[in-house]
Amino acid sequence: EILINTNIGYRPISNADNIQAIYMGVEMRTGVNRNGDAFVILAGMDFTKVKVALSYDVNYSGLQAATNNRGAVEMSLIFVSPSSKPAQLTLPCDRY
């Protein structure tokens, strides 16, 4: 499965809700050895440690019969954990 997408967004300078970014976009879902499957419309917001998005996919492949020409609403909720990368990497070195 391959997703090709583009987003456009806005980063507020300062706000009381700690919103880092607001974005919207479209994507196309396709595959390596098959034709395309669906278009996806999405919108989302990034907060300090949480990302929330709402998307709607519209089938244009043979799956239209299975979905009765309706798409599906999907919601994403992503928690971003603090980085585990060390602030400074030191290597001990003995001098002889």
PDB file of N, CA and C in Angstrom:
ATOM      1  N   GLU A   1       0.838  -1.178   0.000  1.00  0.00           N
ATOM      2  CA  GLU A   1       0.000   0.000   0.000  1.00  0.00           C
ATOM      3  C   GLU A   1       0.882   1.240   0.000  1.00  0.00           C
ATOM      4  N   ILE A   2       0.521   2.204  -0.813  1.00  0.00           N
ATOM      5  CA  ILE A   2       1.258   3.455  -0.911  1.00  0.00           C
ATOM      6  C   ILE A   2       0.282   4.598  -0.684  1.00  0.00           C
ATOM      7  N   LEU A   3       0.670   5.549   0.143  1.00  0.00           N
ATOM      8  CA  LEU A   3      -0.126   6.751   0.367  1.00  0.00           C
ATOM      9  C   LEU A   3       0.653   7.938  -0.183  1.00  0.00           C
ATOM     10  N   ILE A   4       0.027   8.684  -1.086  1.00  0.00           N
ATOM     11  CA  ILE A   4       0.616   9.900  -1.634  1.00  0.00           C
ATOM     12  C   ILE A   4      -0.244  11.042  -1.126  1.00  0.00           C
ATOM     13  N   ASN A   5       0.366  11.996  -0.394  1.00  0.00           N
ATOM     14  CA  ASN A   5      -0.471  13.046   0.178  1.00  0.00           C
ATOM     15  C   ASN A   5       0.207  14.404   0.156  1.00  0.00           C
ATOM     16  N   THR A   6      -0.615  15.402   0.391  1.00  0.00           N
ATOM     17  CA  THR A   6      -0.129  16.766   0.555  1.00  0.00           C
ATOM     18  C   THR A   6      -0.984  17.441   1.620  1.00  0.00           C
ATOM     19  N   ASN A   7      -0.346  18.233   2.446  1.00  0.00           N
ATOM     20  CA  ASN A   7      -1.034  18.950   3.516  1.00  0.00           C
ATOM     21  C   ASN A   7      -0.667  20.422   3.440  1.00  0.00           C
ATOM     22  N   ILE A   8      -1.560  21.246   3.919  1.00  0.00           N
ATOM     23  CA  ILE A   8      -1.287  22.657   4.093  1.00  0.00           C
ATOM     24  C   ILE A   8      -1.676  22.996   5.519  1.00  0.00           C
ATOM     25  N   GLY A   9      -0.880  23.822   6.179  1.00  0.00           N
ATOM     26  CA  GLY A   9      -1.147  24.073   7.586  1.00  0.00           C
ATOM     27  C   GLY A   9      -0.815  25.479   8.017  1.00  0.00           C
ATOM     28  N   TYR A  10      -1.150  25.735   9.248  1.00  0.00           N
ATOM     29  CA  TYR A  10      -0.926  27.032   9.870  1.00  0.00           C
ATOM     30  C   TYR A  10      -0.366  26.781  11.257  1.00  0.00           C
ATOM     31  N   ARG A  11       0.677  27.503  11.613  1.00  0.00           N
ATOM     32  CA  ARG A  11       1.269  27.415  12.950  1.00  0.00           C
ATOM     33  C   ARG A  11       0.991  28.721  13.690  1.00  0.00           C
ATOM     34  N   PRO A  12       0.068  28.700  14.667  1.00  0.00           N
ATOM     35  CA  PRO A  12      -0.214  29.929  15.414  1.00  0.00           C
ATOM     36  C   PRO A  12       1.009  30.376  16.215  1.00  0.00           C
ATOM     37  N   ILE A  13       1.193  31.672  16.325  1.00  0.00           N
ATOM     38  CA  ILE A  13       2.337  32.213  17.060  1.00  0.00           C
ATOM     39  C   ILE A  13       2.186  31.948  18.550  1.00  0.00           C
ATOM     40  N   SER A  14       1.038  32.259  19.103  1.00  0.00           N
ATOM     41  CA  SER A  14       0.788  31.962  20.516  1.00  0.00           C
ATOM     42  C   SER A  14      -0.710  31.832  20.723  1.00  0.00           C
ATOM     43  N   ASN A  15      -1.097  30.933  21.623  1.00  0.00           N
ATOM     44  CA  ASN A  15      -2.503  30.742  21.949  1.00  0.00           C
ATOM     45  C   ASN A  15      -2.620  30.069  23.302  1.00  0.00           C
ATOM     46  N   ALA A  16      -3.789  30.155  23.889  1.00  0.00           N
ATOM     47  CA  ALA A  16      -4.000  29.604  25.233  1.00  0.00           C
ATOM     48  C   ALA A  16      -4.180  28.090  25.225  1.00  0.00           C
ATOM     49  N   ASP A  17      -4.516  27.510  24.074  1.00  0.00           N
ATOM     50  CA  ASP A  17      -4.796  26.069  24.006  1.00  0.00           C
ATOM     51  C   ASP A  17      -3.576  25.232  23.645  1.00  0.00           C
ATOM     52  N   ASN A  18      -2.394  25.825  23.535  1.00  0.00           N
ATOM     53  CA  ASN A  18      -1.156  25.124  23.170  1.00  0.00           C
ATOM     54  C   ASN A  18      -1.256  24.406  21.821  1.00  0.00           C
ATOM     55  N   ILE A  19      -1.945  25.008  20.874  1.00  0.00           N
ATOM     56  CA  ILE A  19      -2.047  24.434  19.536  1.00  0.00           C
ATOM     57  C   ILE A  19      -0.740  24.716  18.795  1.00  0.00           C
ATOM     58  N   GLN A  20      -0.073  23.662  18.353  1.00  0.00           N
ATOM     59  CA  GLN A  20       1.189  23.801  17.627  1.00  0.00           C
ATOM     60  C   GLN A  20       0.959  23.996  16.127  1.00  0.00           C
ATOM     61  N   ALA A  21      -0.077  23.332  15.572  1.00  0.00           N
ATOM     62  CA  ALA A  21      -0.356  23.444  14.133  1.00  0.00           C
ATOM     63  C   ALA A  21      -1.793  23.017  13.847  1.00  0.00           C
ATOM     64  N   ILE A  22      -2.353  23.611  12.814  1.00  0.00           N
ATOM     65  CA  ILE A  22      -3.661  23.220  12.281  1.00  0.00           C
ATOM     66  C   ILE A  22      -3.424  22.925  10.805  1.00  0.00           C
ATOM     67  N   TYR A  23      -3.919  21.794  10.301  1.00  0.00           N
ATOM     68  CA  TYR A  23      -3.633  21.433   8.925  1.00  0.00           C
ATOM     69  C   TYR A  23      -4.802  20.714   8.278  1.00  0.00           C
ATOM     70  N   MET A  24      -4.780  20.679   6.946  1.00  0.00           N
ATOM     71  CA  MET A  24      -5.750  19.917   6.170  1.00  0.00           C
ATOM     72  C   MET A  24      -5.055  19.448   4.902  1.00  0.00           C
ATOM     73  N   GLY A  25      -5.601  18.410   4.296  1.00  0.00           N
ATOM     74  CA  GLY A  25      -4.951  17.892   3.104  1.00  0.00           C
ATOM     75  C   GLY A  25      -5.741  16.807   2.420  1.00  0.00           C
ATOM     76  N   VAL A  26      -5.172  16.289   1.357  1.00  0.00           N
ATOM     77  CA  VAL A  26      -5.751  15.185   0.601  1.00  0.00           C
ATOM     78  C   VAL A  26      -4.660  14.152   0.359  1.00  0.00           C
ATOM     79  N   GLU A  27      -5.090  12.906   0.201  1.00  0.00           N
ATOM     80  CA  GLU A  27      -4.134  11.851  -0.136  1.00  0.00           C
ATOM     81  C   GLU A  27      -4.807  10.823  -1.018  1.00  0.00           C
ATOM     82  N   MET A  28      -3.993  10.077  -1.715  1.00  0.00           N
ATOM     83  CA  MET A  28      -4.475   9.004  -2.564  1.00  0.00           C
ATOM     84  C   MET A  28      -3.854   7.702  -2.075  1.00  0.00           C
ATOM     85  N   ARG A  29      -4.694   6.683  -1.911  1.00  0.00           N
ATOM     86  CA  ARG A  29      -4.207   5.367  -1.482  1.00  0.00           C
ATOM     87  C   ARG A  29      -4.147   4.482  -2.713  1.00  0.00           C
ATOM     88  N   THR A  30      -2.995   3.876  -2.930  1.00  0.00           N
ATOM     89  CA  THR A  30      -2.786   3.019  -4.085  1.00  0.00           C
ATOM     90  C   THR A  30      -1.870   1.873  -3.680  1.00  0.00           C
ATOM     91  N   GLY A  31      -1.509   1.037  -4.619  1.00  0.00           N
ATOM     92  CA  GLY A  31      -0.639  -0.088  -4.322  1.00  0.00           C
ATOM     93  C   GLY A  31       0.438  -0.247  -5.372  1.00  0.00           C
ATOM     94  N   VAL A  32       1.388  -1.111  -5.110  1.00  0.00           N
ATOM     95  CA  VAL A  32       2.499  -1.316  -6.028  1.00  0.00           C
ATOM     96  C   VAL A  32       2.043  -2.076  -7.270  1.00  0.00           C
ATOM     97  N   ASN A  33       1.346  -3.176  -7.096  1.00  0.00           N
ATOM     98  CA  ASN A  33       0.930  -4.010  -8.224  1.00  0.00           C
ATOM     99  C   ASN A  33      -0.570  -3.949  -8.470  1.00  0.00           C
ATOM    100  N   ARG A  34      -1.200  -2.851  -8.122  1.00  0.00           N
ATOM    101  CA  ARG A  34      -2.638  -2.733  -8.359  1.00  0.00           C
ATOM    102  C   ARG A  34      -2.982  -1.271  -8.621  1.00  0.00           C
ATOM    103  N   ASN A  35      -4.201  -1.054  -9.068  1.00  0.00           N
ATOM    104  CA  ASN A  35      -4.653   0.305  -9.336  1.00  0.00           C
ATOM    105  C   ASN A  35      -4.960   1.033  -8.037  1.00  0.00           C
ATOM    106  N   GLY A  36      -5.246   2.325  -8.157  1.00  0.00           N
ATOM    107  CA  GLY A  36      -5.588   3.125  -6.990  1.00  0.00           C
ATOM    108  C   GLY A  36      -6.855   2.641  -6.316  1.00  0.00           C
ATOM    109  N   ASP A  37      -7.024   3.027  -5.065  1.00  0.00           N
ATOM    110  CA  ASP A  37      -8.140   2.527  -4.275  1.00  0.00           C
ATOM    111  C   ASP A  37      -9.053   3.635  -3.777  1.00  0.00           C
ATOM    112  N   ALA A  38      -8.480   4.718  -3.209  1.00  0.00           N
ATOM    113  CA  ALA A  38      -9.326   5.727  -2.572  1.00  0.00           C
ATOM    114  C   ALA A  38      -8.631   7.072  -2.493  1.00  0.00           C
ATOM    115  N   PHE A  39      -9.447   8.110  -2.387  1.00  0.00           N
ATOM    116  CA  PHE A  39      -8.991   9.443  -2.034  1.00  0.00           C
ATOM    117  C   PHE A  39      -9.364   9.695  -0.589  1.00  0.00           C
ATOM    118  N   VAL A  40      -8.507  10.392   0.146  1.00  0.00           N
ATOM    119  CA  VAL A  40      -8.750  10.673   1.565  1.00  0.00           C
ATOM    120  C   VAL A  40      -8.652  12.178   1.772  1.00  0.00           C
ATOM    121  N   ILE A  41      -9.647  12.740   2.446  1.00  0.00           N
ATOM    122  CA  ILE A  41      -9.648  14.151   2.831  1.00  0.00           C
ATOM    123  C   ILE A  41      -9.417  14.175   4.333  1.00  0.00           C
ATOM    124  N   LEU A  42      -8.502  15.023   4.815  1.00  0.00           N
ATOM    125  CA  LEU A  42      -8.206  15.006   6.243  1.00  0.00           C
ATOM    126  C   LEU A  42      -7.999  16.410   6.792  1.00  0.00           C
ATOM    127  N   ALA A  43      -8.217  16.530   8.097  1.00  0.00           N
ATOM    128  CA  ALA A  43      -7.972  17.772   8.834  1.00  0.00           C
ATOM    129  C   ALA A  43      -7.498  17.380  10.223  1.00  0.00           C
ATOM    130  N   GLY A  44      -6.609  18.188  10.795  1.00  0.00           N
ATOM    131  CA  GLY A  44      -6.093  17.828  12.104  1.00  0.00           C
ATOM    132  C   GLY A  44      -5.467  19.001  12.837  1.00  0.00           C
ATOM    133  N   MET A  45      -5.143  18.736  14.094  1.00  0.00           N
ATOM    134  CA  MET A  45      -4.493  19.717  14.955  1.00  0.00           C
ATOM    135  C   MET A  45      -3.400  19.023  15.743  1.00  0.00           C
ATOM    136  N   ASP A  46      -2.276  19.708  15.895  1.00  0.00           N
ATOM    137  CA  ASP A  46      -1.178  19.213  16.715  1.00  0.00           C
ATOM    138  C   ASP A  46      -1.102  20.053  17.976  1.00  0.00           C
ATOM    139  N   PHE A  47      -1.150  19.386  19.119  1.00  0.00           N
ATOM    140  CA  PHE A  47      -0.965  20.042  20.400  1.00  0.00           C
ATOM    141  C   PHE A  47       0.445  19.723  20.881  1.00  0.00           C
ATOM    142  N   THR A  48       0.794  20.098  22.089  1.00  0.00           N
ATOM    143  CA  THR A  48       2.142  19.892  22.585  1.00  0.00           C
ATOM    144  C   THR A  48       2.543  18.420  22.569  1.00  0.00           C
ATOM    145  N   LYS A  49       1.721  17.529  23.110  1.00  0.00           N
ATOM    146  CA  LYS A  49       2.064  16.104  23.170  1.00  0.00           C
ATOM    147  C   LYS A  49       1.034  15.197  22.515  1.00  0.00           C
ATOM    148  N   VAL A  50       0.012  15.769  21.881  1.00  0.00           N
ATOM    149  CA  VAL A  50      -1.059  14.989  21.270  1.00  0.00           C
ATOM    150  C   VAL A  50      -1.348  15.533  19.880  1.00  0.00           C
ATOM    151  N   LYS A  51      -1.603  14.617  18.939  1.00  0.00           N
ATOM    152  CA  LYS A  51      -2.039  14.990  17.589  1.00  0.00           C
ATOM    153  C   LYS A  51      -3.407  14.363  17.356  1.00  0.00           C
ATOM    154  N   VAL A  52      -4.344  15.141  16.833  1.00  0.00           N
ATOM    155  CA  VAL A  52      -5.706  14.675  16.574  1.00  0.00           C
ATOM    156  C   VAL A  52      -6.031  14.966  15.115  1.00  0.00           C
ATOM    157  N   ALA A  53      -6.592  13.987  14.409  1.00  0.00           N
ATOM    158  CA  ALA A  53      -6.956  14.190  13.008  1.00  0.00           C
ATOM    159  C   ALA A  53      -8.253  13.462  12.712  1.00  0.00           C
ATOM    160  N   LEU A  54      -9.003  13.996  11.756  1.00  0.00           N
ATOM    161  CA  LEU A  54     -10.241  13.395  11.283  1.00  0.00           C
ATOM    162  C   LEU A  54     -10.120  13.274   9.777  1.00  0.00           C
ATOM    163  N   SER A  55     -10.425  12.098   9.244  1.00  0.00           N
ATOM    164  CA  SER A  55     -10.302  11.898   7.804  1.00  0.00           C
ATOM    165  C   SER A  55     -11.532  11.170   7.272  1.00  0.00           C
ATOM    166  N   TYR A  56     -11.757  11.318   5.975  1.00  0.00           N
ATOM    167  CA  TYR A  56     -12.873  10.656   5.283  1.00  0.00           C
ATOM    168  C   TYR A  56     -12.324  10.106   3.989  1.00  0.00           C
ATOM    169  N   ASP A  57     -12.467   8.798   3.775  1.00  0.00           N
ATOM    170  CA  ASP A  57     -11.969   8.229   2.525  1.00  0.00           C
ATOM    171  C   ASP A  57     -13.125   7.867   1.609  1.00  0.00           C
ATOM    172  N   VAL A  58     -12.906   8.114   0.310  1.00  0.00           N
ATOM    173  CA  VAL A  58     -13.898   7.860  -0.729  1.00  0.00           C
ATOM    174  C   VAL A  58     -13.302   6.845  -1.688  1.00  0.00           C
ATOM    175  N   ASN A  59     -13.929   5.678  -1.802  1.00  0.00           N
ATOM    176  CA  ASN A  59     -13.441   4.626  -2.697  1.00  0.00           C
ATOM    177  C   ASN A  59     -13.767   4.974  -4.144  1.00  0.00           C
ATOM    178  N   TYR A  60     -12.817   4.714  -5.022  1.00  0.00           N
ATOM    179  CA  TYR A  60     -13.085   4.822  -6.456  1.00  0.00           C
ATOM    180  C   TYR A  60     -12.668   3.541  -7.184  1.00  0.00           C
ATOM    181  N   SER A  61     -12.391   2.496  -6.436  1.00  0.00           N
ATOM    182  CA  SER A  61     -11.992   1.220  -7.023  1.00  0.00           C
ATOM    183  C   SER A  61     -13.183   0.257  -7.024  1.00  0.00           C
ATOM    184  N   GLY A  62     -12.895  -0.996  -7.212  1.00  0.00           N
ATOM    185  CA  GLY A  62     -13.926  -2.025  -7.185  1.00  0.00           C
ATOM    186  C   GLY A  62     -14.576  -2.191  -5.821  1.00  0.00           C
ATOM    187  N   LEU A  63     -14.005  -1.592  -4.784  1.00  0.00           N
ATOM    188  CA  LEU A  63     -14.600  -1.675  -3.441  1.00  0.00           C
ATOM    189  C   LEU A  63     -15.860  -0.827  -3.309  1.00  0.00           C
ATOM    190  N   GLN A  64     -16.196  -0.019  -4.329  1.00  0.00           N
ATOM    191  CA  GLN A  64     -17.406   0.796  -4.259  1.00  0.00           C
ATOM    192  C   GLN A  64     -18.638  -0.077  -4.033  1.00  0.00           C
ATOM    193  N   ALA A  65     -18.664  -1.247  -4.637  1.00  0.00           N
ATOM    194  CA  ALA A  65     -19.813  -2.137  -4.458  1.00  0.00           C
ATOM    195  C   ALA A  65     -19.897  -2.627  -3.017  1.00  0.00           C
ATOM    196  N   ALA A  66     -18.769  -2.918  -2.395  1.00  0.00           N
ATOM    197  CA  ALA A  66     -18.760  -3.409  -1.012  1.00  0.00           C
ATOM    198  C   ALA A  66     -19.138  -2.315  -0.019  1.00  0.00           C
ATOM    199  N   THR A  67     -18.782  -1.067  -0.314  1.00  0.00           N
ATOM    200  CA  THR A  67     -19.081   0.029   0.609  1.00  0.00           C
ATOM    201  C   THR A  67     -20.358   0.773   0.234  1.00  0.00           C
ATOM    202  N   ASN A  68     -21.048   0.303  -0.815  1.00  0.00           N
ATOM    203  CA  ASN A  68     -22.301   0.919  -1.265  1.00  0.00           C
ATOM    204  C   ASN A  68     -22.074   2.390  -1.618  1.00  0.00           C
ATOM    205  N   ASN A  69     -20.934   2.672  -2.261  1.00  0.00           N
ATOM    206  CA  ASN A  69     -20.538   4.015  -2.683  1.00  0.00           C
ATOM    207  C   ASN A  69     -20.419   5.010  -1.538  1.00  0.00           C
ATOM    208  N   ARG A  70     -20.183   4.514  -0.337  1.00  0.00           N
ATOM    209  CA  ARG A  70     -19.957   5.392   0.814  1.00  0.00           C
ATOM    210  C   ARG A  70     -18.508   5.252   1.248  1.00  0.00           C
ATOM    211  N   GLY A  71     -17.993   6.298   1.842  1.00  0.00           N
ATOM    212  CA  GLY A  71     -16.644   6.255   2.377  1.00  0.00           C
ATOM    213  C   GLY A  71     -16.678   5.903   3.851  1.00  0.00           C
ATOM    214  N   ALA A  72     -15.605   6.182   4.521  1.00  0.00           N
ATOM    215  CA  ALA A  72     -15.509   5.880   5.949  1.00  0.00           C
ATOM    216  C   ALA A  72     -14.862   7.055   6.671  1.00  0.00           C
ATOM    217  N   VAL A  73     -15.381   7.361   7.847  1.00  0.00           N
ATOM    218  CA  VAL A  73     -14.806   8.397   8.695  1.00  0.00           C
ATOM    219  C   VAL A  73     -13.808   7.728   9.625  1.00  0.00           C
ATOM    220  N   GLU A  74     -12.628   8.300   9.748  1.00  0.00           N
ATOM    221  CA  GLU A  74     -11.600   7.752  10.625  1.00  0.00           C
ATOM    222  C   GLU A  74     -11.055   8.861  11.508  1.00  0.00           C
ATOM    223  N   MET A  75     -10.772   8.539  12.760  1.00  0.00           N
ATOM    224  CA  MET A  75     -10.199   9.501  13.681  1.00  0.00           C
ATOM    225  C   MET A  75      -8.860   8.972  14.165  1.00  0.00           C
ATOM    226  N   SER A  76      -7.868   9.848  14.206  1.00  0.00           N
ATOM    227  CA  SER A  76      -6.539   9.475  14.682  1.00  0.00           C
ATOM    228  C   SER A  76      -6.237  10.251  15.951  1.00  0.00           C
ATOM    229  N   LEU A  77      -5.704   9.561  16.922  1.00  0.00           N
ATOM    230  CA  LEU A  77      -5.257  10.169  18.166  1.00  0.00           C
ATOM    231  C   LEU A  77      -3.857   9.638  18.433  1.00  0.00           C
ATOM    232  N   ILE A  78      -2.864  10.520  18.425  1.00  0.00           N
ATOM    233  CA  ILE A  78      -1.467  10.123  18.549  1.00  0.00           C
ATOM    234  C   ILE A  78      -0.862  10.827  19.746  1.00  0.00           C
ATOM    235  N   PHE A  79      -0.230  10.061  20.631  1.00  0.00           N
ATOM    236  CA  PHE A  79       0.490  10.619  21.762  1.00  0.00           C
ATOM    237  C   PHE A  79       1.967  10.650  21.417  1.00  0.00           C
ATOM    238  N   VAL A  80       2.604  11.792  21.582  1.00  0.00           N
ATOM    239  CA  VAL A  80       4.031  11.949  21.290  1.00  0.00           C
ATOM    240  C   VAL A  80       4.780  11.913  22.609  1.00  0.00           C
ATOM    241  N   SER A  81       5.555  10.848  22.813  1.00  0.00           N
ATOM    242  CA  SER A  81       6.288  10.702  24.073  1.00  0.00           C
ATOM    243  C   SER A  81       7.543  11.573  24.065  1.00  0.00           C
ATOM    244  N   PRO A  82       8.039  11.906  25.234  1.00  0.00           N
ATOM    245  CA  PRO A  82       9.291  12.662  25.296  1.00  0.00           C
ATOM    246  C   PRO A  82      10.426  11.878  24.640  1.00  0.00           C
ATOM    247  N   SER A  83      11.374  12.573  24.095  1.00  0.00           N
ATOM    248  CA  SER A  83      12.490  11.930  23.424  1.00  0.00           C
ATOM    249  C   SER A  83      13.339  11.149  24.428  1.00  0.00           C
ATOM    250  N   SER A  84      13.784   9.974  24.020  1.00  0.00           N
ATOM    251  CA  SER A  84      14.676   9.177  24.863  1.00  0.00           C
ATOM    252  C   SER A  84      16.134   9.365  24.438  1.00  0.00           C
ATOM    253  N   LYS A  85      16.362  10.253  23.490  1.00  0.00           N
ATOM    254  CA  LYS A  85      17.714  10.516  23.021  1.00  0.00           C
ATOM    255  C   LYS A  85      18.486  11.256  24.113  1.00  0.00           C
ATOM    256  N   PRO A  86      19.687  10.794  24.441  1.00  0.00           N
ATOM    257  CA  PRO A  86      20.466  11.496  25.469  1.00  0.00           C
ATOM    258  C   PRO A  86      20.812  12.915  25.021  1.00  0.00           C
ATOM    259  N   ALA A  87      20.837  13.813  25.983  1.00  0.00           N
ATOM    260  CA  ALA A  87      21.136  15.210  25.667  1.00  0.00           C
ATOM    261  C   ALA A  87      22.563  15.358  25.147  1.00  0.00           C
ATOM    262  N   GLN A  88      23.488  14.606  25.717  1.00  0.00           N
ATOM    263  CA  GLN A  88      24.878  14.683  25.269  1.00  0.00           C
ATOM    264  C   GLN A  88      25.459  13.280  25.327  1.00  0.00           C
ATOM    265  N   LEU A  89      26.121  12.887  24.281  1.00  0.00           N
ATOM    266  CA  LEU A  89      26.737  11.569  24.209  1.00  0.00           C
ATOM    267  C   LEU A  89      28.222  11.716  24.515  1.00  0.00           C
ATOM    268  N   THR A  90      28.698  10.985  25.530  1.00  0.00           N
ATOM    269  CA  THR A  90      30.124  11.010  25.866  1.00  0.00           C
ATOM    270  C   THR A  90      30.691   9.611  25.790  1.00  0.00           C
ATOM    271  N   LEU A  91      31.876   9.520  25.319  1.00  0.00           N
ATOM    272  CA  LEU A  91      32.566   8.236  25.247  1.00  0.00           C
ATOM    273  C   LEU A  91      33.785   8.291  26.169  1.00  0.00           C
ATOM    274  N   PRO A  92      33.898   7.327  27.079  1.00  0.00           N
ATOM    275  CA  PRO A  92      35.075   7.324  27.951  1.00  0.00           C
ATOM    276  C   PRO A  92      36.323   7.000  27.131  1.00  0.00           C
ATOM    277  N   CYS A  93      37.382   7.689  27.444  1.00  0.00           N
ATOM    278  CA  CYS A  93      38.623   7.497  26.715  1.00  0.00           C
ATOM    279  C   CYS A  93      39.770   7.500  27.740  1.00  0.00           C
ATOM    280  N   ASP A  94      40.451   6.368  27.839  1.00  0.00           N
ATOM    281  CA  ASP A  94      41.602   6.290  28.748  1.00  0.00           C
ATOM    282  C   ASP A  94      42.840   6.853  28.036  1.00  0.00           C
ATOM    283  N   ARG A  95      43.606   7.618  28.790  1.00  0.00           N
ATOM    284  CA  ARG A  95      44.838   8.168  28.230  1.00  0.00           C
ATOM    285  C   ARG A  95      46.022   7.440  28.864  1.00  0.00           C
ATOM    286  N   TYR A  96      46.958   7.023  28.067  1.00  0.00           N
ATOM    287  CA  TYR A  96      48.111   6.298  28.566  1.00  0.00           C
ATOM    288  C   TYR A  96      49.339   7.117  28.411  1.00  0.00           C
TER     289      TYR A  96
END
